[in-house]
């Protein structure tokens, strides 16, 4: 008998892993399904959430919720979308608001991420010149990997690197 995760994922390969809630000590009690993956069976993503975060996961429109028995930490998201779709999700949820870079105004993800990288480097330099520290500095290496991967056309690797950046961005 397949598990609930196998049923909801349509037995597809996992495309990405994200942590959208940081520093929550609770185990998940709810498994929220993203919209149906198009094409094919299964949810686009599955989010494991505690009761407190199940009510408020802004920007992640879940279609259904199933009970979970604490199999994952709160905030774990199994993402079954393509690299392109995951990158767009990052842009929609945090990247554009953090940097002002709108993917629609650029020619592909390599261009978008190169611009984001330049903006983050400039911001880190400004903060360093003021003698301060910033979580943005932690993002630089992962953003560089994302930008280089996108330039090679490897959007899954770029999305994986942005998942790390997303975690750092939550502490801003």
C-alpha atoms as a PDB file:
ATOM      1  CA  UNK A   1       0.000   0.000   0.000  1.00  0.00           C
ATOM      2  CA  UNK A   2       1.536   3.340  -1.022  1.00  0.00           C
ATOM      3  CA  UNK A   3       2.109   6.016   1.584  1.00  0.00           C
ATOM      4  CA  UNK A   4       0.203   9.308   1.502  1.00  0.00           C
ATOM      5  CA  UNK A   5       3.333  11.024   0.148  1.00  0.00           C
ATOM      6  CA  UNK A   6       3.641   8.477  -2.668  1.00  0.00           C
ATOM      7  CA  UNK A   7      -0.021   8.917  -3.547  1.00  0.00           C
ATOM      8  CA  UNK A   8       0.100  12.710  -3.506  1.00  0.00           C
ATOM      9  CA  UNK A   9       3.370  12.914  -5.434  1.00  0.00           C
ATOM     10  CA  UNK A  10       2.124  10.571  -8.144  1.00  0.00           C
ATOM     11  CA  UNK A  11       5.296   8.496  -7.652  1.00  0.00           C
ATOM     12  CA  UNK A  12       7.319  11.227  -9.408  1.00  0.00           C
ATOM     13  CA  UNK A  13      10.907  12.113  -8.683  1.00  0.00           C
ATOM     14  CA  UNK A  14      11.440  14.908  -6.198  1.00  0.00           C
ATOM     15  CA  UNK A  15      12.479  18.131  -7.952  1.00  0.00           C
ATOM     16  CA  UNK A  16      13.468  20.201  -4.936  1.00  0.00           C
ATOM     17  CA  UNK A  17      13.470  20.447  -1.158  1.00  0.00           C
ATOM     18  CA  UNK A  18      12.769  23.723   0.640  1.00  0.00           C
ATOM     19  CA  UNK A  19      12.490  24.914   4.232  1.00  0.00           C
ATOM     20  CA  UNK A  20       9.895  27.687   4.293  1.00  0.00           C
ATOM     21  CA  UNK A  21       9.644  27.977   8.075  1.00  0.00           C
ATOM     22  CA  UNK A  22      12.775  28.548  10.125  1.00  0.00           C
ATOM     23  CA  UNK A  23      13.256  27.941  13.828  1.00  0.00           C
ATOM     24  CA  UNK A  24       9.954  26.206  14.502  1.00  0.00           C
ATOM     25  CA  UNK A  25      10.599  23.390  16.968  1.00  0.00           C
ATOM     26  CA  UNK A  26       7.283  21.649  16.216  1.00  0.00           C
ATOM     27  CA  UNK A  27       6.808  18.551  14.149  1.00  0.00           C
ATOM     28  CA  UNK A  28       4.306  18.681  11.339  1.00  0.00           C
ATOM     29  CA  UNK A  29       0.748  17.602  11.999  1.00  0.00           C
ATOM     30  CA  UNK A  30      -0.608  18.734   8.638  1.00  0.00           C
ATOM     31  CA  UNK A  31       0.468  17.856   5.117  1.00  0.00           C
ATOM     32  CA  UNK A  32      -0.741  20.589   2.743  1.00  0.00           C
ATOM     33  CA  UNK A  33      -1.005  19.746  -0.950  1.00  0.00           C
ATOM     34  CA  UNK A  34      -0.150  22.253  -3.607  1.00  0.00           C
ATOM     35  CA  UNK A  35      -2.230  22.497  -6.761  1.00  0.00           C
ATOM     36  CA  UNK A  36      -2.290  19.506  -9.086  1.00  0.00           C
ATOM     37  CA  UNK A  37       0.839  19.131 -11.164  1.00  0.00           C
ATOM     38  CA  UNK A  38       0.216  19.820 -14.815  1.00  0.00           C
ATOM     39  CA  UNK A  39       0.711  17.606 -16.716  1.00  0.00           C
ATOM     40  CA  UNK A  40       0.253  14.385 -14.818  1.00  0.00           C
ATOM     41  CA  UNK A  41      -0.887  13.161 -11.456  1.00  0.00           C
ATOM     42  CA  UNK A  42       0.159  14.383  -8.064  1.00  0.00           C
ATOM     43  CA  UNK A  43       0.502  17.663  -6.260  1.00  0.00           C
ATOM     44  CA  UNK A  44       2.992  20.303  -7.413  1.00  0.00           C
ATOM     45  CA  UNK A  45       4.379  20.422  -3.871  1.00  0.00           C
ATOM     46  CA  UNK A  46       3.740  19.036  -0.387  1.00  0.00           C
ATOM     47  CA  UNK A  47       4.283  21.187   2.711  1.00  0.00           C
ATOM     48  CA  UNK A  48       4.649  19.735   6.197  1.00  0.00           C
ATOM     49  CA  UNK A  49       3.332  22.187   8.783  1.00  0.00           C
ATOM     50  CA  UNK A  50       2.572  22.486  12.483  1.00  0.00           C
ATOM     51  CA  UNK A  51      -0.881  23.778  13.506  1.00  0.00           C
ATOM     52  CA  UNK A  52       0.400  27.340  13.919  1.00  0.00           C
ATOM     53  CA  UNK A  53       2.003  27.546  10.492  1.00  0.00           C
ATOM     54  CA  UNK A  54      -0.726  25.560   8.712  1.00  0.00           C
ATOM     55  CA  UNK A  55      -3.001  28.589   9.050  1.00  0.00           C
ATOM     56  CA  UNK A  56      -0.432  31.041   7.684  1.00  0.00           C
ATOM     57  CA  UNK A  57       1.776  30.009   4.788  1.00  0.00           C
ATOM     58  CA  UNK A  58       1.502  33.136   2.683  1.00  0.00           C
ATOM     59  CA  UNK A  59       1.961  32.701  -1.034  1.00  0.00           C
ATOM     60  CA  UNK A  60       1.624  28.924  -0.947  1.00  0.00           C
ATOM     61  CA  UNK A  61      -1.984  28.245  -2.025  1.00  0.00           C
ATOM     62  CA  UNK A  62      -2.707  24.742  -0.821  1.00  0.00           C
ATOM     63  CA  UNK A  63      -5.600  22.810  -2.285  1.00  0.00           C
ATOM     64  CA  UNK A  64      -6.110  20.279   0.498  1.00  0.00           C
ATOM     65  CA  UNK A  65      -4.752  19.244   3.859  1.00  0.00           C
ATOM     66  CA  UNK A  66      -4.130  15.766   5.188  1.00  0.00           C
ATOM     67  CA  UNK A  67      -3.180  14.766   8.725  1.00  0.00           C
ATOM     68  CA  UNK A  68       0.480  13.978   9.332  1.00  0.00           C
ATOM     69  CA  UNK A  69       2.014  12.084  12.224  1.00  0.00           C
ATOM     70  CA  UNK A  70       5.110  14.214  12.670  1.00  0.00           C
ATOM     71  CA  UNK A  71       7.140  12.631   9.904  1.00  0.00           C
ATOM     72  CA  UNK A  72       8.921  15.901   9.023  1.00  0.00           C
ATOM     73  CA  UNK A  73       9.887  19.159  10.669  1.00  0.00           C
ATOM     74  CA  UNK A  74       7.489  22.058  10.263  1.00  0.00           C
ATOM     75  CA  UNK A  75       8.225  24.008   7.090  1.00  0.00           C
ATOM     76  CA  UNK A  76       9.619  21.179   4.983  1.00  0.00           C
ATOM     77  CA  UNK A  77       8.390  21.390   1.383  1.00  0.00           C
ATOM     78  CA  UNK A  78       8.818  18.596  -1.139  1.00  0.00           C
ATOM     79  CA  UNK A  79       8.682  20.298  -4.541  1.00  0.00           C
ATOM     80  CA  UNK A  80       7.811  18.282  -7.663  1.00  0.00           C
ATOM     81  CA  UNK A  81       7.770  21.198 -10.112  1.00  0.00           C
ATOM     82  CA  UNK A  82      10.229  21.820 -12.928  1.00  0.00           C
ATOM     83  CA  UNK A  83      13.281  24.007 -12.337  1.00  0.00           C
ATOM     84  CA  UNK A  84      11.590  26.825 -14.268  1.00  0.00           C
ATOM     85  CA  UNK A  85       8.486  26.606 -12.068  1.00  0.00           C
ATOM     86  CA  UNK A  86      10.553  26.503  -8.884  1.00  0.00           C
ATOM     87  CA  UNK A  87      12.536  29.579  -9.944  1.00  0.00           C
ATOM     88  CA  UNK A  88       9.299  31.435 -10.654  1.00  0.00           C
ATOM     89  CA  UNK A  89       8.033  30.409  -7.214  1.00  0.00           C
ATOM     90  CA  UNK A  90      11.175  31.856  -5.596  1.00  0.00           C
ATOM     91  CA  UNK A  91      10.708  35.082  -7.541  1.00  0.00           C
ATOM     92  CA  UNK A  92       7.038  35.291  -6.549  1.00  0.00           C
ATOM     93  CA  UNK A  93       7.576  34.519  -2.870  1.00  0.00           C
ATOM     94  CA  UNK A  94      10.721  36.413  -1.900  1.00  0.00           C
ATOM     95  CA  UNK A  95      13.368  37.116  -4.543  1.00  0.00           C
ATOM     96  CA  UNK A  96      11.624  39.996  -6.334  1.00  0.00           C
ATOM     97  CA  UNK A  97      10.559  41.694  -3.099  1.00  0.00           C
ATOM     98  CA  UNK A  98      14.105  41.398  -1.694  1.00  0.00           C
ATOM     99  CA  UNK A  99      15.954  42.663  -4.776  1.00  0.00           C
ATOM    100  CA  UNK A 100      13.410  44.443  -6.961  1.00  0.00           C
ATOM    101  CA  UNK A 101      14.375  42.227  -9.903  1.00  0.00           C
ATOM    102  CA  UNK A 102      11.306  41.236 -11.918  1.00  0.00           C
ATOM    103  CA  UNK A 103      11.859  38.142 -14.094  1.00  0.00           C
ATOM    104  CA  UNK A 104       9.384  39.474 -16.673  1.00  0.00           C
ATOM    105  CA  UNK A 105      11.718  42.413 -17.342  1.00  0.00           C
ATOM    106  CA  UNK A 106      14.726  40.209 -18.186  1.00  0.00           C
ATOM    107  CA  UNK A 107      15.792  37.781 -20.865  1.00  0.00           C
ATOM    108  CA  UNK A 108      15.794  34.409 -19.086  1.00  0.00           C
ATOM    109  CA  UNK A 109      16.805  33.128 -15.687  1.00  0.00           C
ATOM    110  CA  UNK A 110      20.540  33.515 -16.255  1.00  0.00           C
ATOM    111  CA  UNK A 111      19.996  37.250 -16.815  1.00  0.00           C
ATOM    112  CA  UNK A 112      17.639  37.516 -13.814  1.00  0.00           C
ATOM    113  CA  UNK A 113      20.035  35.775 -11.452  1.00  0.00           C
ATOM    114  CA  UNK A 114      23.056  37.728 -12.740  1.00  0.00           C
ATOM    115  CA  UNK A 115      21.194  40.950 -11.908  1.00  0.00           C
ATOM    116  CA  UNK A 116      20.171  39.603  -8.479  1.00  0.00           C
ATOM    117  CA  UNK A 117      23.787  38.621  -7.810  1.00  0.00           C
ATOM    118  CA  UNK A 118      24.994  42.152  -8.657  1.00  0.00           C
ATOM    119  CA  UNK A 119      22.389  43.711  -6.354  1.00  0.00           C
ATOM    120  CA  UNK A 120      23.232  41.409  -3.450  1.00  0.00           C
ATOM    121  CA  UNK A 121      26.977  42.054  -3.867  1.00  0.00           C
ATOM    122  CA  UNK A 122      26.360  45.807  -3.798  1.00  0.00           C
ATOM    123  CA  UNK A 123      24.199  45.532  -0.686  1.00  0.00           C
ATOM    124  CA  UNK A 124      26.756  43.373   1.100  1.00  0.00           C
ATOM    125  CA  UNK A 125      29.487  45.898   0.206  1.00  0.00           C
ATOM    126  CA  UNK A 126      27.342  48.741   1.612  1.00  0.00           C
ATOM    127  CA  UNK A 127      26.749  46.871   4.861  1.00  0.00           C
ATOM    128  CA  UNK A 128      30.437  45.928   5.163  1.00  0.00           C
ATOM    129  CA  UNK A 129      31.477  49.551   4.560  1.00  0.00           C
ATOM    130  CA  UNK A 130      29.264  50.511   7.491  1.00  0.00           C
ATOM    131  CA  UNK A 131      31.064  47.921   9.628  1.00  0.00           C
ATOM    132  CA  UNK A 132      27.994  45.731   9.971  1.00  0.00           C
ATOM    133  CA  UNK A 133      27.188  42.108   9.281  1.00  0.00           C
ATOM    134  CA  UNK A 134      24.240  40.880   7.232  1.00  0.00           C
ATOM    135  CA  UNK A 135      22.581  37.542   6.440  1.00  0.00           C
ATOM    136  CA  UNK A 136      22.844  38.643   2.805  1.00  0.00           C
ATOM    137  CA  UNK A 137      26.518  37.707   2.947  1.00  0.00           C
ATOM    138  CA  UNK A 138      25.518  34.074   3.570  1.00  0.00           C
ATOM    139  CA  UNK A 139      23.527  34.136   0.342  1.00  0.00           C
ATOM    140  CA  UNK A 140      26.378  35.181  -1.950  1.00  0.00           C
ATOM    141  CA  UNK A 141      27.945  31.767  -2.549  1.00  0.00           C
ATOM    142  CA  UNK A 142      24.590  30.101  -3.177  1.00  0.00           C
ATOM    143  CA  UNK A 143      23.463  32.927  -5.460  1.00  0.00           C
ATOM    144  CA  UNK A 144      26.694  32.593  -7.435  1.00  0.00           C
ATOM    145  CA  UNK A 145      26.015  28.863  -7.873  1.00  0.00           C
ATOM    146  CA  UNK A 146      22.429  29.618  -8.937  1.00  0.00           C
ATOM    147  CA  UNK A 147      23.541  32.211 -11.459  1.00  0.00           C
ATOM    148  CA  UNK A 148      26.223  29.951 -12.985  1.00  0.00           C
ATOM    149  CA  UNK A 149      23.852  26.972 -13.127  1.00  0.00           C
ATOM    150  CA  UNK A 150      21.189  29.054 -14.873  1.00  0.00           C
ATOM    151  CA  UNK A 151      23.789  30.248 -17.379  1.00  0.00           C
ATOM    152  CA  UNK A 152      24.499  26.566 -18.167  1.00  0.00           C
ATOM    153  CA  UNK A 153      20.756  25.920 -18.477  1.00  0.00           C
ATOM    154  CA  UNK A 154      20.601  23.765 -15.333  1.00  0.00           C
ATOM    155  CA  UNK A 155      17.544  25.331 -13.716  1.00  0.00           C
ATOM    156  CA  UNK A 156      17.121  22.543 -11.138  1.00  0.00           C
ATOM    157  CA  UNK A 157      20.537  23.268  -9.643  1.00  0.00           C
ATOM    158  CA  UNK A 158      19.752  26.990  -9.749  1.00  0.00           C
ATOM    159  CA  UNK A 159      16.473  26.330  -7.900  1.00  0.00           C
ATOM    160  CA  UNK A 160      18.247  24.185  -5.304  1.00  0.00           C
ATOM    161  CA  UNK A 161      20.704  27.005  -4.614  1.00  0.00           C
ATOM    162  CA  UNK A 162      17.852  29.491  -4.317  1.00  0.00           C
ATOM    163  CA  UNK A 163      16.214  27.213  -1.750  1.00  0.00           C
ATOM    164  CA  UNK A 164      19.246  27.810   0.485  1.00  0.00           C
ATOM    165  CA  UNK A 165      19.002  31.543  -0.191  1.00  0.00           C
ATOM    166  CA  UNK A 166      15.307  31.440   0.710  1.00  0.00           C
ATOM    167  CA  UNK A 167      16.192  30.040   4.125  1.00  0.00           C
ATOM    168  CA  UNK A 168      18.739  32.827   4.726  1.00  0.00           C
ATOM    169  CA  UNK A 169      16.264  35.450   3.464  1.00  0.00           C
ATOM    170  CA  UNK A 170      13.818  34.472   6.202  1.00  0.00           C
ATOM    171  CA  UNK A 171      16.184  35.934   8.793  1.00  0.00           C
ATOM    172  CA  UNK A 172      16.161  39.390   7.162  1.00  0.00           C
END
